[in-house]
């Protein structure tokens, strides 16, 4: 009788253990599926970040190429302005020299004719 009782208890415990084992197996399968979903999500996020970084790198490379061209254009513009400034300064210096010569000549002419103040 006692042996039969303990046998029944052991059968109930074994059945409970099988239920508990099945429960934990189901939980582990769900966790594994969740982990695969999470891993796939983060892989997709990392692929998206990598794509964004590649696009940003290409954009900034293009911007730098355009900026380099713009800087060359600006440098050429300022070189042309500098050249024109040199030409204008030489013309002004030449005109100033002519004006000085003319003024000195006019002053000498006025002095000869007696028109001095």
N, C-alpha and C. Protein backbone atom coordinates (compact mmCIF):
# COMPACT_ATOMS: atom_id res chain seq x y z
N UNK A 1 0.82 -1.18 0.00
CA UNK A 1 0.00 0.00 0.00
C UNK A 1 0.87 1.26 0.00
N UNK A 2 1.86 1.27 0.87
CA UNK A 2 2.77 2.42 0.92
C UNK A 2 3.56 2.50 -0.37
N UNK A 3 3.98 1.35 -0.86
CA UNK A 3 4.73 1.33 -2.11
C UNK A 3 3.88 1.85 -3.24
N UNK A 4 2.62 1.48 -3.29
CA UNK A 4 1.72 1.94 -4.34
C UNK A 4 1.51 3.45 -4.23
N UNK A 5 1.38 3.94 -2.99
CA UNK A 5 1.23 5.38 -2.77
C UNK A 5 2.44 6.15 -3.32
N UNK A 6 3.64 5.68 -2.93
CA UNK A 6 4.85 6.36 -3.40
C UNK A 6 5.03 6.22 -4.91
N UNK A 7 4.60 5.09 -5.45
CA UNK A 7 4.66 4.93 -6.90
C UNK A 7 3.74 5.93 -7.57
N UNK A 8 2.56 6.13 -7.01
CA UNK A 8 1.62 7.11 -7.58
C UNK A 8 2.18 8.52 -7.45
N UNK A 9 2.77 8.82 -6.29
CA UNK A 9 3.37 10.15 -6.09
C UNK A 9 4.50 10.36 -7.09
N UNK A 10 5.34 9.33 -7.27
CA UNK A 10 6.44 9.45 -8.23
C UNK A 10 5.94 9.64 -9.66
N UNK A 11 4.82 8.94 -9.99
CA UNK A 11 4.25 9.12 -11.32
C UNK A 11 3.74 10.55 -11.49
N UNK A 12 3.10 11.12 -10.47
CA UNK A 12 2.63 12.49 -10.52
C UNK A 12 3.79 13.47 -10.63
N UNK A 13 4.85 13.21 -9.85
CA UNK A 13 6.04 14.09 -9.90
C UNK A 13 6.68 13.99 -11.28
N UNK A 14 6.79 12.79 -11.83
CA UNK A 14 7.37 12.62 -13.16
C UNK A 14 6.53 13.35 -14.20
N UNK A 15 5.21 13.25 -14.08
CA UNK A 15 4.33 13.95 -15.02
C UNK A 15 4.50 15.46 -14.87
N UNK A 16 4.56 15.93 -13.61
CA UNK A 16 4.78 17.35 -13.38
C UNK A 16 6.12 17.79 -13.95
N UNK A 17 7.15 16.94 -13.78
CA UNK A 17 8.47 17.30 -14.31
C UNK A 17 8.44 17.35 -15.84
N UNK A 18 7.66 16.43 -16.46
CA UNK A 18 7.54 16.47 -17.91
C UNK A 18 6.83 17.75 -18.35
N UNK A 19 5.82 18.17 -17.62
CA UNK A 19 5.09 19.41 -17.93
C UNK A 19 6.01 20.61 -17.75
N UNK A 20 6.76 20.60 -16.64
CA UNK A 20 7.70 21.71 -16.39
C UNK A 20 8.78 21.74 -17.48
N UNK A 21 9.29 20.56 -17.85
CA UNK A 21 10.31 20.50 -18.90
C UNK A 21 9.74 20.99 -20.23
N UNK A 22 8.50 20.60 -20.53
CA UNK A 22 7.87 21.06 -21.78
C UNK A 22 7.66 22.58 -21.74
N UNK A 23 7.27 23.09 -20.57
CA UNK A 23 7.08 24.54 -20.43
C UNK A 23 8.39 25.28 -20.68
N UNK A 24 9.46 24.82 -20.02
CA UNK A 24 10.74 25.49 -20.20
C UNK A 24 11.29 25.32 -21.62
N UNK A 25 11.01 24.20 -22.25
CA UNK A 25 11.42 24.01 -23.64
C UNK A 25 10.68 25.01 -24.53
N UNK A 26 9.38 25.21 -24.27
CA UNK A 26 8.62 26.18 -25.05
C UNK A 26 9.13 27.60 -24.81
N UNK A 27 9.43 27.90 -23.54
CA UNK A 27 9.98 29.23 -23.22
C UNK A 27 11.32 29.43 -23.93
N UNK A 28 12.17 28.42 -23.91
CA UNK A 28 13.47 28.54 -24.57
C UNK A 28 13.31 28.70 -26.08
N UNK A 29 12.32 28.00 -26.67
CA UNK A 29 12.08 28.17 -28.11
C UNK A 29 11.61 29.59 -28.40
N UNK A 30 10.73 30.14 -27.55
CA UNK A 30 10.27 31.52 -27.73
C UNK A 30 11.42 32.51 -27.57
N UNK A 31 12.26 32.28 -26.55
CA UNK A 31 13.40 33.17 -26.33
C UNK A 31 14.35 33.10 -27.52
N UNK A 32 14.60 31.90 -28.02
CA UNK A 32 15.48 31.76 -29.18
C UNK A 32 14.88 32.48 -30.39
N UNK A 33 13.57 32.34 -30.59
CA UNK A 33 12.92 33.03 -31.71
C UNK A 33 13.01 34.54 -31.51
N UNK A 34 12.78 35.01 -30.28
CA UNK A 34 12.90 36.44 -29.99
C UNK A 34 14.32 36.93 -30.23
N UNK A 35 15.29 36.13 -29.82
CA UNK A 35 16.69 36.53 -30.04
C UNK A 35 17.01 36.59 -31.52
N UNK A 36 16.46 35.66 -32.30
CA UNK A 36 16.69 35.73 -33.75
C UNK A 36 16.06 36.98 -34.34
N UNK A 37 14.85 37.32 -33.85
CA UNK A 37 14.19 38.54 -34.33
C UNK A 37 15.00 39.77 -33.93
N UNK A 38 15.47 39.80 -32.69
CA UNK A 38 16.28 40.94 -32.22
C UNK A 38 17.57 41.02 -33.02
N UNK A 39 18.21 39.89 -33.25
CA UNK A 39 19.45 39.89 -34.04
C UNK A 39 19.19 40.36 -35.46
N UNK A 40 18.09 39.91 -36.06
CA UNK A 40 17.75 40.36 -37.41
C UNK A 40 17.47 41.86 -37.43
N UNK A 41 16.79 42.37 -36.39
CA UNK A 41 16.50 43.80 -36.30
C UNK A 41 17.80 44.60 -36.22
N UNK A 42 18.70 44.19 -35.33
CA UNK A 42 19.94 44.94 -35.20
C UNK A 42 20.82 44.80 -36.44
N UNK A 43 20.76 43.66 -37.12
CA UNK A 43 21.50 43.52 -38.37
C UNK A 43 20.94 44.48 -39.42
N UNK A 44 19.61 44.60 -39.46
CA UNK A 44 19.00 45.54 -40.41
C UNK A 44 19.37 46.97 -40.06
N UNK A 45 19.35 47.29 -38.75
CA UNK A 45 19.73 48.64 -38.32
C UNK A 45 21.18 48.92 -38.69
N UNK A 46 22.07 47.96 -38.47
CA UNK A 46 23.49 48.16 -38.81
C UNK A 46 23.68 48.30 -40.32
N UNK A 47 22.92 47.54 -41.11
CA UNK A 47 23.01 47.70 -42.56
C UNK A 47 22.53 49.09 -42.98
N UNK A 48 21.45 49.56 -42.34
CA UNK A 48 20.94 50.90 -42.64
C UNK A 48 21.95 51.97 -42.26
N UNK A 49 22.57 51.82 -41.09
CA UNK A 49 23.59 52.79 -40.66
C UNK A 49 24.78 52.77 -41.62
N UNK A 50 25.19 51.57 -42.03
CA UNK A 50 26.30 51.48 -42.98
C UNK A 50 25.94 52.15 -44.31
N UNK A 51 24.71 51.96 -44.76
CA UNK A 51 24.27 52.60 -46.00
C UNK A 51 24.26 54.12 -45.85
N UNK A 52 23.72 54.59 -44.72
CA UNK A 52 23.69 56.04 -44.48
C UNK A 52 25.11 56.60 -44.43
N UNK A 53 26.02 55.88 -43.79
CA UNK A 53 27.41 56.35 -43.72
C UNK A 53 28.06 56.36 -45.10
N UNK A 54 27.75 55.35 -45.92
CA UNK A 54 28.31 55.35 -47.28
C UNK A 54 27.76 56.51 -48.09
N UNK A 55 26.45 56.76 -47.98
CA UNK A 55 25.85 57.89 -48.69
C UNK A 55 26.43 59.21 -48.19
N UNK A 56 26.58 59.34 -46.87
CA UNK A 56 27.15 60.57 -46.31
C UNK A 56 28.59 60.75 -46.78
N UNK A 57 29.36 59.67 -46.82
CA UNK A 57 30.74 59.77 -47.29
C UNK A 57 30.79 60.19 -48.75
N UNK A 58 29.92 59.62 -49.57
CA UNK A 58 29.88 60.01 -50.98
C UNK A 58 29.46 61.47 -51.12
N UNK A 59 28.47 61.89 -50.32
CA UNK A 59 28.02 63.28 -50.37
C UNK A 59 29.15 64.23 -49.99
N UNK A 60 29.82 63.95 -48.88
CA UNK A 60 30.89 64.85 -48.45
C UNK A 60 32.08 64.82 -49.42
N UNK A 61 32.33 63.67 -50.04
CA UNK A 61 33.38 63.62 -51.05
C UNK A 61 33.01 64.51 -52.23
N UNK A 62 31.74 64.46 -52.64
CA UNK A 62 31.28 65.34 -53.73
C UNK A 62 31.36 66.80 -53.33
N UNK A 63 30.96 67.10 -52.08
CA UNK A 63 31.03 68.48 -51.60
C UNK A 63 32.48 68.96 -51.60
N UNK A 64 33.38 68.10 -51.15
CA UNK A 64 34.79 68.50 -51.13
C UNK A 64 35.34 68.69 -52.54
N UNK A 65 34.89 67.86 -53.48
CA UNK A 65 35.34 68.05 -54.86
C UNK A 65 34.82 69.38 -55.40
N UNK A 66 33.55 69.68 -55.13
CA UNK A 66 32.98 70.96 -55.57
C UNK A 66 33.68 72.11 -54.88
N UNK A 67 33.95 71.95 -53.58
CA UNK A 67 34.63 73.00 -52.84
C UNK A 67 36.03 73.23 -53.40
N UNK A 68 36.71 72.15 -53.79
CA UNK A 68 38.03 72.31 -54.37
C UNK A 68 37.95 73.08 -55.68
N UNK A 69 36.94 72.76 -56.50
CA UNK A 69 36.75 73.50 -57.75
C UNK A 69 36.42 74.96 -57.44
N UNK A 70 35.52 75.16 -56.46
CA UNK A 70 35.17 76.53 -56.09
C UNK A 70 36.39 77.30 -55.59
N UNK A 71 37.22 76.64 -54.82
CA UNK A 71 38.42 77.31 -54.31
C UNK A 71 39.37 77.66 -55.45
N UNK A 72 39.46 76.78 -56.44
CA UNK A 72 40.30 77.10 -57.59
C UNK A 72 39.73 78.29 -58.35
N UNK A 73 38.40 78.32 -58.49
CA UNK A 73 37.75 79.45 -59.17
C UNK A 73 37.97 80.73 -58.38
N UNK A 74 37.81 80.66 -57.07
CA UNK A 74 38.03 81.85 -56.23
C UNK A 74 39.48 82.30 -56.31
N UNK A 75 40.40 81.33 -56.28
CA UNK A 75 41.83 81.69 -56.38
C UNK A 75 42.12 82.34 -57.73
N UNK A 76 41.54 81.80 -58.81
CA UNK A 76 41.75 82.40 -60.12
C UNK A 76 41.14 83.80 -60.18
N UNK A 77 39.96 83.98 -59.57
CA UNK A 77 39.34 85.29 -59.53
C UNK A 77 40.23 86.30 -58.82
N UNK A 78 40.73 85.91 -57.65
CA UNK A 78 41.58 86.85 -56.90
C UNK A 78 42.91 87.09 -57.61
N UNK A 79 43.43 86.09 -58.32
CA UNK A 79 44.64 86.31 -59.11
C UNK A 79 44.36 87.32 -60.22
N UNK A 80 43.19 87.20 -60.85
CA UNK A 80 42.83 88.16 -61.90
C UNK A 80 42.63 89.55 -61.30
N UNK A 81 41.98 89.63 -60.14
CA UNK A 81 41.80 90.93 -59.48
C UNK A 81 43.16 91.52 -59.12
N UNK A 82 44.05 90.70 -58.62
CA UNK A 82 45.39 91.17 -58.27
C UNK A 82 46.12 91.69 -59.51
N UNK A 83 46.02 90.94 -60.61
CA UNK A 83 46.65 91.38 -61.85
C UNK A 83 46.07 92.71 -62.31
N UNK A 84 44.72 92.81 -62.26
CA UNK A 84 44.09 94.07 -62.66
C UNK A 84 44.49 95.22 -61.72
N UNK A 85 44.62 94.92 -60.45
CA UNK A 85 45.04 95.96 -59.50
C UNK A 85 46.44 96.45 -59.83
N UNK A 86 47.32 95.52 -60.17
CA UNK A 86 48.69 95.91 -60.56
C UNK A 86 48.65 96.77 -61.81
N UNK A 87 47.84 96.37 -62.80
CA UNK A 87 47.73 97.15 -64.04
C UNK A 87 47.17 98.53 -63.74
N UNK A 88 46.10 98.60 -62.93
CA UNK A 88 45.50 99.89 -62.59
C UNK A 88 46.51 100.76 -61.85
N UNK A 89 47.25 100.19 -60.91
CA UNK A 89 48.24 100.98 -60.17
C UNK A 89 49.34 101.50 -61.10
N UNK A 90 49.74 100.68 -62.07
CA UNK A 90 50.76 101.15 -63.03
C UNK A 90 50.20 102.28 -63.90
N UNK A 91 48.94 102.12 -64.33
CA UNK A 91 48.32 103.18 -65.14
C UNK A 91 48.19 104.46 -64.32
N UNK A 92 47.75 104.33 -63.07
CA UNK A 92 47.61 105.50 -62.20
C UNK A 92 48.96 106.14 -61.96
N UNK A 93 49.99 105.34 -61.75
CA UNK A 93 51.33 105.90 -61.55
C UNK A 93 51.81 106.64 -62.80
N UNK A 94 51.54 106.05 -63.97
CA UNK A 94 51.93 106.71 -65.21
C UNK A 94 51.16 108.01 -65.41
N UNK A 95 49.86 107.99 -65.14
CA UNK A 95 49.05 109.21 -65.27
C UNK A 95 49.49 110.25 -64.25
N UNK A 96 49.81 109.82 -63.05
CA UNK A 96 50.26 110.76 -62.04
C UNK A 96 51.57 111.42 -62.48
N UNK A 97 52.45 110.62 -63.03
CA UNK A 97 53.72 111.18 -63.51
C UNK A 97 53.46 112.19 -64.62
N UNK A 98 52.54 111.89 -65.52
CA UNK A 98 52.22 112.83 -66.60
C UNK A 98 51.58 114.10 -66.06
N UNK A 99 50.68 113.93 -65.05
CA UNK A 99 50.03 115.10 -64.45
C UNK A 99 51.08 115.96 -63.75
N UNK A 100 52.00 115.32 -63.05
CA UNK A 100 53.07 116.08 -62.36
C UNK A 100 53.92 116.81 -63.38
N UNK A 101 54.28 116.11 -64.46
CA UNK A 101 55.09 116.75 -65.50
C UNK A 101 54.32 117.92 -66.11
N UNK A 102 53.03 117.70 -66.38
CA UNK A 102 52.21 118.78 -66.97
C UNK A 102 52.08 119.93 -65.99
N UNK A 103 51.87 119.63 -64.72
CA UNK A 103 51.73 120.69 -63.72
C UNK A 103 53.03 121.48 -63.59
N UNK A 104 54.15 120.75 -63.57
CA UNK A 104 55.45 121.44 -63.49
C UNK A 104 55.66 122.30 -64.73
N UNK A 105 55.31 121.75 -65.90
CA UNK A 105 55.44 122.52 -67.15
C UNK A 105 54.55 123.73 -67.15
N UNK A 106 53.30 123.55 -66.65
CA UNK A 106 52.39 124.68 -66.60
C UNK A 106 52.88 125.72 -65.60
N UNK A 107 53.40 125.29 -64.49
CA UNK A 107 53.92 126.25 -63.50
C UNK A 107 55.11 127.00 -64.05
N UNK A 108 55.96 126.29 -64.78
CA UNK A 108 57.12 126.95 -65.38
C UNK A 108 56.67 127.95 -66.44
N UNK A 109 55.65 127.57 -67.22
CA UNK A 109 55.13 128.46 -68.25
C UNK A 109 54.51 129.70 -67.63
N UNK A 110 53.77 129.49 -66.56
CA UNK A 110 53.17 130.64 -65.88
C UNK A 110 54.25 131.53 -65.26
N UNK A 111 55.27 130.92 -64.75
CA UNK A 111 56.35 131.71 -64.14
C UNK A 111 57.06 132.54 -65.21
N UNK A 112 57.24 131.96 -66.38
CA UNK A 112 57.91 132.70 -67.46
C UNK A 112 57.07 133.89 -67.93
N UNK A 113 55.75 133.69 -67.91
CA UNK A 113 54.89 134.78 -68.39
C UNK A 113 54.53 135.76 -67.29
N UNK A 114 54.99 135.46 -66.08
CA UNK A 114 54.78 136.39 -64.99
C UNK A 114 53.46 136.21 -64.27
N UNK A 115 52.78 135.12 -64.47
CA UNK A 115 51.52 134.87 -63.77
C UNK A 115 51.77 134.07 -62.50
N UNK A 116 52.47 134.61 -61.58
CA UNK A 116 52.72 133.94 -60.30
C UNK A 116 51.97 134.68 -59.23
N UNK A 117 51.65 134.02 -58.20
CA UNK A 117 50.94 134.66 -57.09
C UNK A 117 51.90 135.16 -56.06
